[in-house]
Amino acid sequence: SKATPRAATAKFAANGRESHRKDLGMMAVAYGNVYVAQIAMGSNPAQTVRAFHEAESYPGPSLILAYSHCIAHGIDMSTSMTHQKDIVRSGLWPLYRFDPRKAHAGDHPFHLDSRKPDLRFRDVAMKEARFAMLTRSNPEQANRLFDLAQKDINDTWHLYEQMAGVDRDIADVT
């Protein structure tokens, strides 16, 4: 998948994915007339419900991107909800909503629902087999890709902050 994060091993990237993951949400936001939300139910159930309500009420096309772990990620499924919180806290999967109706009302249409990342991506990623495998097989490559992935996350967060406006109110994600 083109949405696989940098540094993850996959069928098509045994030495770790080299490129930044495709941001499908921002592709849809670029149209300007699509309601878009990025959610992780385990991280913020209230934001998830809010996104579904807004998407359903939007008179045009709506897209909800939901983080979902799978067995290939190799995480302990008993910790899946905590893992979703950590993925959001690392910045790999920021929660947001883009509602074009708000622009017509003079508000920022893009709203960040998660806080600034406060966990290192590497620390969260190492809980998933798709990232940990590369560390065991090629530690130098893994370190290089983790550094690039962290830069991707920081750059994306900066862009999202700009899109949301500097003086925004962030809901509590705990």
N, C-alpha and C. Protein backbone atom coordinates (compact mmCIF):
# COMPACT_ATOMS: atom_id res chain seq x y z
N SER A 1 0.84 -1.18 0.00
CA SER A 1 0.00 0.00 0.00
C SER A 1 0.88 1.25 0.00
N LYS A 2 0.44 2.26 -0.66
CA LYS A 2 1.19 3.52 -0.68
C LYS A 2 1.01 4.29 0.63
N ALA A 3 0.08 3.84 1.47
CA ALA A 3 -0.12 4.49 2.77
C ALA A 3 0.70 3.84 3.87
N THR A 4 1.50 2.84 3.53
CA THR A 4 2.38 2.21 4.51
C THR A 4 3.41 3.24 4.97
N PRO A 5 3.63 3.37 6.28
CA PRO A 5 4.58 4.37 6.77
C PRO A 5 6.03 4.05 6.40
N ARG A 6 6.82 5.09 6.30
CA ARG A 6 8.25 4.93 6.08
C ARG A 6 8.83 4.05 7.20
N ALA A 7 9.78 3.21 6.85
CA ALA A 7 10.51 2.31 7.76
C ALA A 7 9.82 0.98 7.99
N ALA A 8 8.55 0.85 7.59
CA ALA A 8 7.86 -0.43 7.78
C ALA A 8 8.33 -1.43 6.73
N THR A 9 8.46 -2.68 7.15
CA THR A 9 8.74 -3.74 6.19
C THR A 9 7.41 -4.27 5.68
N ALA A 10 7.41 -4.64 4.42
CA ALA A 10 6.20 -5.16 3.78
C ALA A 10 6.61 -6.03 2.61
N LYS A 11 5.65 -6.68 2.01
CA LYS A 11 5.93 -7.57 0.89
C LYS A 11 6.73 -6.86 -0.20
N PHE A 12 6.43 -5.62 -0.44
CA PHE A 12 7.09 -4.85 -1.50
C PHE A 12 8.28 -4.04 -0.99
N ALA A 13 8.56 -4.12 0.31
CA ALA A 13 9.63 -3.31 0.90
C ALA A 13 10.32 -4.08 2.02
N ALA A 14 11.04 -5.12 1.66
CA ALA A 14 11.69 -5.98 2.66
C ALA A 14 12.77 -5.23 3.45
N ASN A 15 13.37 -4.21 2.87
CA ASN A 15 14.39 -3.41 3.56
C ASN A 15 13.82 -2.14 4.15
N GLY A 16 12.52 -2.10 4.34
CA GLY A 16 11.87 -0.92 4.90
C GLY A 16 11.42 0.03 3.81
N ARG A 17 10.23 0.54 3.95
CA ARG A 17 9.70 1.49 2.97
C ARG A 17 10.56 2.75 3.02
N GLU A 18 11.02 3.18 1.86
CA GLU A 18 11.93 4.32 1.75
C GLU A 18 11.21 5.67 1.68
N SER A 19 10.00 5.69 1.16
CA SER A 19 9.35 6.97 0.90
C SER A 19 8.26 7.29 1.92
N HIS A 20 7.93 8.56 1.97
CA HIS A 20 6.88 9.08 2.84
C HIS A 20 5.56 8.41 2.45
N ARG A 21 4.72 8.14 3.43
CA ARG A 21 3.44 7.51 3.12
C ARG A 21 2.52 8.49 2.40
N LYS A 22 1.69 7.97 1.54
CA LYS A 22 0.73 8.80 0.82
C LYS A 22 -0.33 9.29 1.80
N ASP A 23 -0.63 10.56 1.75
CA ASP A 23 -1.61 11.16 2.65
C ASP A 23 -2.95 11.28 1.91
N LEU A 24 -3.74 10.23 1.96
CA LEU A 24 -5.00 10.19 1.23
C LEU A 24 -5.97 11.27 1.70
N GLY A 25 -5.94 11.56 3.00
CA GLY A 25 -6.81 12.60 3.52
C GLY A 25 -6.53 13.96 2.91
N MET A 26 -5.26 14.32 2.82
CA MET A 26 -4.91 15.62 2.25
C MET A 26 -5.22 15.68 0.75
N MET A 27 -5.16 14.54 0.08
CA MET A 27 -5.55 14.51 -1.33
C MET A 27 -7.03 14.88 -1.47
N ALA A 28 -7.86 14.35 -0.58
CA ALA A 28 -9.28 14.66 -0.61
C ALA A 28 -9.54 16.10 -0.17
N VAL A 29 -8.80 16.57 0.84
CA VAL A 29 -8.94 17.96 1.31
C VAL A 29 -8.65 18.93 0.17
N ALA A 30 -7.70 18.58 -0.69
CA ALA A 30 -7.31 19.46 -1.79
C ALA A 30 -8.48 19.77 -2.73
N TYR A 31 -9.46 18.91 -2.79
CA TYR A 31 -10.64 19.19 -3.63
C TYR A 31 -11.44 20.36 -3.08
N GLY A 32 -11.42 20.53 -1.77
CA GLY A 32 -12.11 21.66 -1.16
C GLY A 32 -13.58 21.44 -0.87
N ASN A 33 -14.18 20.41 -1.47
CA ASN A 33 -15.62 20.19 -1.28
C ASN A 33 -15.92 18.81 -0.69
N VAL A 34 -14.92 18.20 -0.07
CA VAL A 34 -15.08 16.87 0.52
C VAL A 34 -14.90 16.98 2.03
N TYR A 35 -15.85 16.41 2.79
CA TYR A 35 -15.67 16.31 4.23
C TYR A 35 -14.67 15.19 4.47
N VAL A 36 -13.61 15.46 5.26
CA VAL A 36 -12.58 14.46 5.52
C VAL A 36 -12.29 14.42 7.01
N ALA A 37 -12.21 13.22 7.55
CA ALA A 37 -11.82 13.06 8.95
C ALA A 37 -10.83 11.91 9.05
N GLN A 38 -9.89 12.08 9.95
CA GLN A 38 -8.95 11.00 10.27
C GLN A 38 -9.19 10.65 11.73
N ILE A 39 -9.52 9.38 11.98
CA ILE A 39 -9.95 8.96 13.31
C ILE A 39 -9.16 7.74 13.78
N ALA A 40 -9.19 7.52 15.08
CA ALA A 40 -8.68 6.30 15.70
C ALA A 40 -9.58 6.06 16.92
N MET A 41 -10.53 5.18 16.77
CA MET A 41 -11.54 4.98 17.80
C MET A 41 -10.93 4.70 19.17
N GLY A 42 -9.85 3.94 19.21
CA GLY A 42 -9.22 3.62 20.49
C GLY A 42 -8.55 4.81 21.14
N SER A 43 -8.25 5.82 20.36
CA SER A 43 -7.59 7.00 20.89
C SER A 43 -8.58 8.03 21.41
N ASN A 44 -9.65 8.26 20.64
CA ASN A 44 -10.60 9.30 21.01
C ASN A 44 -11.99 8.92 20.49
N PRO A 45 -12.75 8.14 21.25
CA PRO A 45 -14.08 7.72 20.79
C PRO A 45 -15.02 8.89 20.51
N ALA A 46 -14.94 9.96 21.29
CA ALA A 46 -15.82 11.11 21.08
C ALA A 46 -15.54 11.77 19.73
N GLN A 47 -14.27 11.89 19.35
CA GLN A 47 -13.91 12.46 18.06
C GLN A 47 -14.41 11.56 16.93
N THR A 48 -14.35 10.25 17.14
CA THR A 48 -14.83 9.31 16.14
C THR A 48 -16.33 9.50 15.89
N VAL A 49 -17.10 9.57 16.96
CA VAL A 49 -18.55 9.76 16.84
C VAL A 49 -18.85 11.11 16.19
N ARG A 50 -18.15 12.16 16.61
CA ARG A 50 -18.35 13.49 16.04
C ARG A 50 -18.07 13.48 14.54
N ALA A 51 -17.00 12.81 14.13
CA ALA A 51 -16.65 12.74 12.71
C ALA A 51 -17.74 12.02 11.91
N PHE A 52 -18.27 10.93 12.45
CA PHE A 52 -19.33 10.21 11.73
C PHE A 52 -20.59 11.05 11.62
N HIS A 53 -20.95 11.77 12.68
CA HIS A 53 -22.13 12.64 12.63
C HIS A 53 -21.94 13.74 11.59
N GLU A 54 -20.79 14.39 11.62
CA GLU A 54 -20.53 15.47 10.66
C GLU A 54 -20.48 14.94 9.23
N ALA A 55 -19.85 13.81 9.03
CA ALA A 55 -19.76 13.23 7.68
C ALA A 55 -21.14 12.87 7.15
N GLU A 56 -21.97 12.32 8.02
CA GLU A 56 -23.32 11.92 7.60
C GLU A 56 -24.17 13.14 7.26
N SER A 57 -23.98 14.23 7.99
CA SER A 57 -24.79 15.43 7.75
C SER A 57 -24.27 16.28 6.59
N TYR A 58 -23.06 16.03 6.15
CA TYR A 58 -22.48 16.84 5.07
C TYR A 58 -23.21 16.53 3.76
N PRO A 59 -23.62 17.56 3.01
CA PRO A 59 -24.41 17.33 1.80
C PRO A 59 -23.61 16.84 0.58
N GLY A 60 -22.32 16.75 0.70
CA GLY A 60 -21.49 16.29 -0.41
C GLY A 60 -20.75 15.02 -0.06
N PRO A 61 -19.69 14.73 -0.78
CA PRO A 61 -18.92 13.51 -0.49
C PRO A 61 -18.19 13.62 0.85
N SER A 62 -18.09 12.49 1.53
CA SER A 62 -17.40 12.41 2.82
C SER A 62 -16.43 11.25 2.80
N LEU A 63 -15.29 11.44 3.46
CA LEU A 63 -14.27 10.40 3.57
C LEU A 63 -13.80 10.34 5.01
N ILE A 64 -13.90 9.16 5.62
CA ILE A 64 -13.37 8.96 6.97
C ILE A 64 -12.27 7.93 6.88
N LEU A 65 -11.07 8.32 7.31
CA LEU A 65 -9.92 7.43 7.34
C LEU A 65 -9.73 6.97 8.79
N ALA A 66 -9.85 5.67 9.01
CA ALA A 66 -9.79 5.14 10.37
C ALA A 66 -8.54 4.29 10.54
N TYR A 67 -7.77 4.58 11.59
CA TYR A 67 -6.61 3.74 11.89
C TYR A 67 -7.13 2.38 12.35
N SER A 68 -6.59 1.35 11.77
CA SER A 68 -6.97 0.00 12.16
C SER A 68 -5.73 -0.87 12.11
N HIS A 69 -5.36 -1.41 13.25
CA HIS A 69 -4.24 -2.34 13.28
C HIS A 69 -4.69 -3.65 12.66
N CYS A 70 -3.74 -4.44 12.25
CA CYS A 70 -4.07 -5.77 11.72
C CYS A 70 -3.06 -6.77 12.25
N ILE A 71 -3.34 -8.02 12.03
CA ILE A 71 -2.49 -9.08 12.57
C ILE A 71 -1.06 -8.97 12.05
N ALA A 72 -0.90 -8.45 10.83
CA ALA A 72 0.44 -8.30 10.25
C ALA A 72 1.29 -7.27 10.99
N HIS A 73 0.66 -6.38 11.75
CA HIS A 73 1.43 -5.41 12.53
C HIS A 73 2.15 -6.09 13.68
N GLY A 74 1.67 -7.25 14.08
CA GLY A 74 2.35 -8.03 15.11
C GLY A 74 2.27 -7.42 16.50
N ILE A 75 1.16 -6.75 16.82
CA ILE A 75 1.03 -6.20 18.17
C ILE A 75 0.22 -7.16 19.02
N ASP A 76 0.36 -7.04 20.31
CA ASP A 76 -0.45 -7.80 21.25
C ASP A 76 -1.86 -7.21 21.18
N MET A 77 -2.81 -7.97 20.68
CA MET A 77 -4.15 -7.45 20.46
C MET A 77 -4.85 -7.03 21.76
N SER A 78 -4.37 -7.51 22.89
CA SER A 78 -4.97 -7.09 24.16
C SER A 78 -4.60 -5.65 24.50
N THR A 79 -3.61 -5.10 23.81
CA THR A 79 -3.19 -3.71 24.04
C THR A 79 -3.56 -2.81 22.86
N SER A 80 -4.48 -3.26 22.03
CA SER A 80 -4.76 -2.53 20.78
C SER A 80 -5.28 -1.11 21.00
N MET A 81 -6.11 -0.90 22.01
CA MET A 81 -6.64 0.44 22.24
C MET A 81 -5.54 1.38 22.74
N THR A 82 -4.68 0.89 23.62
CA THR A 82 -3.55 1.68 24.07
C THR A 82 -2.61 1.97 22.91
N HIS A 83 -2.43 0.98 22.05
CA HIS A 83 -1.56 1.17 20.89
C HIS A 83 -2.10 2.27 19.98
N GLN A 84 -3.42 2.31 19.80
CA GLN A 84 -4.00 3.38 18.98
C GLN A 84 -3.73 4.75 19.60
N LYS A 85 -3.84 4.85 20.91
CA LYS A 85 -3.53 6.13 21.58
C LYS A 85 -2.08 6.51 21.33
N ASP A 86 -1.18 5.53 21.43
CA ASP A 86 0.24 5.81 21.22
C ASP A 86 0.55 6.20 19.78
N ILE A 87 -0.11 5.57 18.83
CA ILE A 87 0.09 5.91 17.41
C ILE A 87 -0.30 7.37 17.18
N VAL A 88 -1.42 7.79 17.80
CA VAL A 88 -1.85 9.19 17.69
C VAL A 88 -0.86 10.10 18.41
N ARG A 89 -0.45 9.73 19.62
CA ARG A 89 0.49 10.56 20.39
C ARG A 89 1.85 10.68 19.71
N SER A 90 2.22 9.70 18.89
CA SER A 90 3.50 9.77 18.17
C SER A 90 3.42 10.70 16.96
N GLY A 91 2.21 11.02 16.53
CA GLY A 91 2.05 11.87 15.36
C GLY A 91 1.93 11.09 14.06
N LEU A 92 2.09 9.78 14.10
CA LEU A 92 1.95 9.00 12.87
C LEU A 92 0.53 9.10 12.33
N TRP A 93 -0.45 9.18 13.22
CA TRP A 93 -1.85 9.22 12.81
C TRP A 93 -2.57 10.34 13.57
N PRO A 94 -2.33 11.60 13.17
CA PRO A 94 -3.01 12.71 13.85
C PRO A 94 -4.51 12.68 13.56
N LEU A 95 -5.29 13.06 14.54
CA LEU A 95 -6.74 13.10 14.39
C LEU A 95 -7.14 14.49 13.91
N TYR A 96 -7.98 14.54 12.89
CA TYR A 96 -8.44 15.83 12.38
C TYR A 96 -9.79 15.66 11.70
N ARG A 97 -10.42 16.83 11.47
CA ARG A 97 -11.64 16.90 10.69
C ARG A 97 -11.54 18.10 9.77
N PHE A 98 -11.94 17.92 8.52
CA PHE A 98 -11.99 19.01 7.55
C PHE A 98 -13.44 19.11 7.09
N ASP A 99 -14.06 20.24 7.41
CA ASP A 99 -15.47 20.45 7.07
C ASP A 99 -15.59 21.71 6.22
N PRO A 100 -15.81 21.56 4.91
CA PRO A 100 -15.90 22.72 4.02
C PRO A 100 -16.97 23.73 4.43
N ARG A 101 -18.00 23.29 5.14
CA ARG A 101 -19.06 24.23 5.57
C ARG A 101 -18.50 25.31 6.48
N LYS A 102 -17.47 24.99 7.24
CA LYS A 102 -16.90 25.98 8.17
C LYS A 102 -16.23 27.13 7.42
N ALA A 103 -15.64 26.84 6.28
CA ALA A 103 -15.02 27.91 5.49
C ALA A 103 -16.08 28.90 5.03
N HIS A 104 -17.24 28.41 4.65
CA HIS A 104 -18.33 29.29 4.22
C HIS A 104 -18.85 30.15 5.37
N ALA A 105 -18.67 29.67 6.60
CA ALA A 105 -19.10 30.41 7.78
C ALA A 105 -18.00 31.32 8.32
N GLY A 106 -16.85 31.34 7.65
CA GLY A 106 -15.74 32.20 8.07
C GLY A 106 -14.81 31.57 9.09
N ASP A 107 -14.98 30.30 9.38
CA ASP A 107 -14.11 29.59 10.33
C ASP A 107 -13.07 28.78 9.58
N HIS A 108 -12.08 28.27 10.35
CA HIS A 108 -11.10 27.35 9.76
C HIS A 108 -11.81 26.03 9.46
N PRO A 109 -11.76 25.56 8.23
CA PRO A 109 -12.41 24.28 7.93
C PRO A 109 -11.62 23.08 8.45
N PHE A 110 -10.33 23.27 8.75
CA PHE A 110 -9.47 22.17 9.20
C PHE A 110 -9.29 22.27 10.70
N HIS A 111 -9.64 21.20 11.41
CA HIS A 111 -9.54 21.20 12.88
C HIS A 111 -8.72 20.01 13.34
N LEU A 112 -7.64 20.28 14.05
CA LEU A 112 -6.82 19.22 14.65
C LEU A 112 -7.48 18.78 15.96
N ASP A 113 -7.73 17.50 16.08
CA ASP A 113 -8.34 16.97 17.29
C ASP A 113 -7.35 16.27 18.21
N SER A 114 -6.11 16.17 17.80
CA SER A 114 -5.09 15.56 18.66
C SER A 114 -4.06 16.62 19.04
N ARG A 115 -3.37 16.33 20.10
CA ARG A 115 -2.33 17.25 20.58
C ARG A 115 -1.04 17.06 19.80
N LYS A 116 -0.14 18.01 19.98
CA LYS A 116 1.18 17.90 19.36
C LYS A 116 1.84 16.60 19.80
N PRO A 117 2.50 15.90 18.88
CA PRO A 117 3.13 14.62 19.25
C PRO A 117 4.07 14.76 20.44
N ASP A 118 3.93 13.82 21.38
CA ASP A 118 4.80 13.84 22.56
C ASP A 118 5.47 12.48 22.80
N LEU A 119 5.33 11.57 21.87
CA LEU A 119 6.05 10.29 21.91
C LEU A 119 6.90 10.18 20.65
N ARG A 120 8.09 9.63 20.80
CA ARG A 120 8.92 9.40 19.61
C ARG A 120 8.32 8.27 18.79
N PHE A 121 8.26 8.49 17.49
CA PHE A 121 7.72 7.48 16.58
C PHE A 121 8.45 6.15 16.75
N ARG A 122 9.76 6.19 16.83
CA ARG A 122 10.57 4.98 16.95
C ARG A 122 10.11 4.13 18.15
N ASP A 123 9.84 4.78 19.27
CA ASP A 123 9.45 4.04 20.48
C ASP A 123 8.11 3.33 20.30
N VAL A 124 7.19 3.97 19.61
CA VAL A 124 5.89 3.36 19.36
C VAL A 124 6.00 2.29 18.27
N ALA A 125 6.75 2.60 17.23
CA ALA A 125 6.88 1.68 16.09
C ALA A 125 7.51 0.36 16.49
N MET A 126 8.43 0.40 17.44
CA MET A 126 9.12 -0.83 17.84
C MET A 126 8.19 -1.86 18.48
N LYS A 127 6.97 -1.47 18.80
CA LYS A 127 5.98 -2.40 19.33
C LYS A 127 5.31 -3.20 18.21
N GLU A 128 5.58 -2.81 16.95
CA GLU A 128 4.99 -3.49 15.80
C GLU A 128 6.06 -4.29 15.06
N ALA A 129 5.72 -5.51 14.72
CA ALA A 129 6.66 -6.39 14.02
C ALA A 129 7.13 -5.80 12.70
N ARG A 130 6.26 -5.09 11.99
CA ARG A 130 6.64 -4.56 10.67
C ARG A 130 7.76 -3.53 10.76
N PHE A 131 7.96 -2.93 11.92
CA PHE A 131 9.08 -2.01 12.12
C PHE A 131 10.25 -2.70 12.84
N ALA A 132 9.94 -3.51 13.82
CA ALA A 132 10.98 -4.16 14.62
C ALA A 132 11.83 -5.13 13.79
N MET A 133 11.23 -5.76 12.77
CA MET A 133 11.98 -6.72 11.94
C MET A 133 13.18 -6.05 11.28
N LEU A 134 13.00 -4.84 10.79
CA LEU A 134 14.08 -4.14 10.12
C LEU A 134 15.21 -3.82 11.09
N THR A 135 14.88 -3.49 12.33
CA THR A 135 15.90 -3.20 13.34
C THR A 135 16.78 -4.42 13.59
N ARG A 136 16.18 -5.59 13.57
CA ARG A 136 16.95 -6.82 13.79
C ARG A 136 17.80 -7.19 12.56
N SER A 137 17.24 -6.99 11.36
CA SER A 137 17.95 -7.43 10.15
C SER A 137 18.95 -6.41 9.63
N ASN A 138 18.66 -5.12 9.82
CA ASN A 138 19.53 -4.08 9.27
C ASN A 138 19.42 -2.83 10.15
N PRO A 139 20.10 -2.82 11.31
CA PRO A 139 19.95 -1.72 12.26
C PRO A 139 20.32 -0.35 11.70
N GLU A 140 21.34 -0.27 10.87
CA GLU A 140 21.73 1.03 10.30
C GLU A 140 20.63 1.58 9.40
N GLN A 141 20.08 0.72 8.56
CA GLN A 141 18.98 1.13 7.68
C GLN A 141 17.77 1.53 8.52
N ALA A 142 17.48 0.77 9.55
CA ALA A 142 16.34 1.08 10.41
C ALA A 142 16.52 2.44 11.07
N ASN A 143 17.69 2.72 11.60
CA ASN A 143 17.94 4.02 12.24
C ASN A 143 17.77 5.16 11.25
N ARG A 144 18.29 4.98 10.04
CA ARG A 144 18.16 6.02 9.02
C ARG A 144 16.69 6.26 8.67
N LEU A 145 15.95 5.18 8.48
CA LEU A 145 14.54 5.33 8.11
C LEU A 145 13.69 5.85 9.26
N PHE A 146 14.01 5.46 10.49
CA PHE A 146 13.28 6.01 11.64
C PHE A 146 13.50 7.52 11.75
N ASP A 147 14.72 7.97 11.52
CA ASP A 147 15.00 9.40 11.55
C ASP A 147 14.21 10.13 10.47
N LEU A 148 14.17 9.56 9.27
CA LEU A 148 13.40 10.17 8.18
C LEU A 148 11.91 10.15 8.48
N ALA A 149 11.43 9.05 9.06
CA ALA A 149 10.01 8.96 9.42
C ALA A 149 9.65 10.01 10.46
N GLN A 150 10.53 10.24 11.44
CA GLN A 150 10.26 11.27 12.44
C GLN A 150 10.21 12.64 11.80
N LYS A 151 11.09 12.88 10.83
CA LYS A 151 11.06 14.15 10.10
C LYS A 151 9.75 14.29 9.33
N ASP A 152 9.31 13.21 8.69
CA ASP A 152 8.02 13.23 7.99
C ASP A 152 6.90 13.64 8.95
N ILE A 153 6.89 13.02 10.12
CA ILE A 153 5.85 13.30 11.11
C ILE A 153 5.91 14.75 11.56
N ASN A 154 7.10 15.25 11.84
CA ASN A 154 7.25 16.65 12.27
C ASN A 154 6.80 17.61 11.19
N ASP A 155 7.19 17.34 9.94
CA ASP A 155 6.81 18.21 8.82
C ASP A 155 5.30 18.19 8.60
N THR A 156 4.71 17.01 8.67
CA THR A 156 3.26 16.89 8.48
C THR A 156 2.52 17.61 9.59
N TRP A 157 2.98 17.45 10.83
CA TRP A 157 2.34 18.14 11.95
C TRP A 157 2.41 19.65 11.76
N HIS A 158 3.54 20.15 11.33
CA HIS A 158 3.70 21.59 11.11
C HIS A 158 2.70 22.06 10.04
N LEU A 159 2.56 21.31 8.97
CA LEU A 159 1.60 21.65 7.92
C LEU A 159 0.18 21.66 8.48
N TYR A 160 -0.16 20.64 9.24
CA TYR A 160 -1.51 20.56 9.81
C TYR A 160 -1.78 21.72 10.76
N GLU A 161 -0.78 22.10 11.55
CA GLU A 161 -0.95 23.26 12.44
C GLU A 161 -1.23 24.52 11.63
N GLN A 162 -0.51 24.70 10.54
CA GLN A 162 -0.75 25.87 9.70
C GLN A 162 -2.16 25.84 9.13
N MET A 163 -2.60 24.68 8.70
CA MET A 163 -3.94 24.56 8.13
C MET A 163 -5.02 24.82 9.17
N ALA A 164 -4.75 24.47 10.42
CA ALA A 164 -5.74 24.63 11.49
C ALA A 164 -5.75 26.05 12.05
N GLY A 165 -4.72 26.82 11.78
CA GLY A 165 -4.61 28.14 12.38
C GLY A 165 -3.88 28.05 13.71
N VAL A 166 -3.20 29.10 14.06
CA VAL A 166 -2.36 29.07 15.25
C VAL A 166 -3.17 29.03 16.53
N ASP A 167 -4.27 29.76 16.59
CA ASP A 167 -5.05 29.89 17.83
C ASP A 167 -6.27 28.95 17.79
N ARG A 168 -6.01 27.66 17.87
CA ARG A 168 -7.10 26.71 17.84
C ARG A 168 -7.27 26.09 19.23
N ASP A 169 -8.43 25.54 19.45
CA ASP A 169 -8.73 24.86 20.71
C ASP A 169 -8.67 23.36 20.46
N ILE A 170 -7.79 22.67 21.18
CA ILE A 170 -7.63 21.23 20.99
C ILE A 170 -8.37 20.50 22.10
N ALA A 171 -9.26 19.62 21.70
CA ALA A 171 -10.00 18.82 22.67
C ALA A 171 -9.07 17.81 23.33
N ASP A 172 -9.38 17.46 24.55
CA ASP A 172 -8.59 16.47 25.27
C ASP A 172 -8.76 15.11 24.60
N VAL A 173 -7.65 14.42 24.34
CA VAL A 173 -7.70 13.13 23.63
C VAL A 173 -7.59 11.94 24.57
N THR A 174 -7.60 12.18 25.85
CA THR A 174 -7.47 11.04 26.77
C THR A 174 -8.81 10.46 27.14
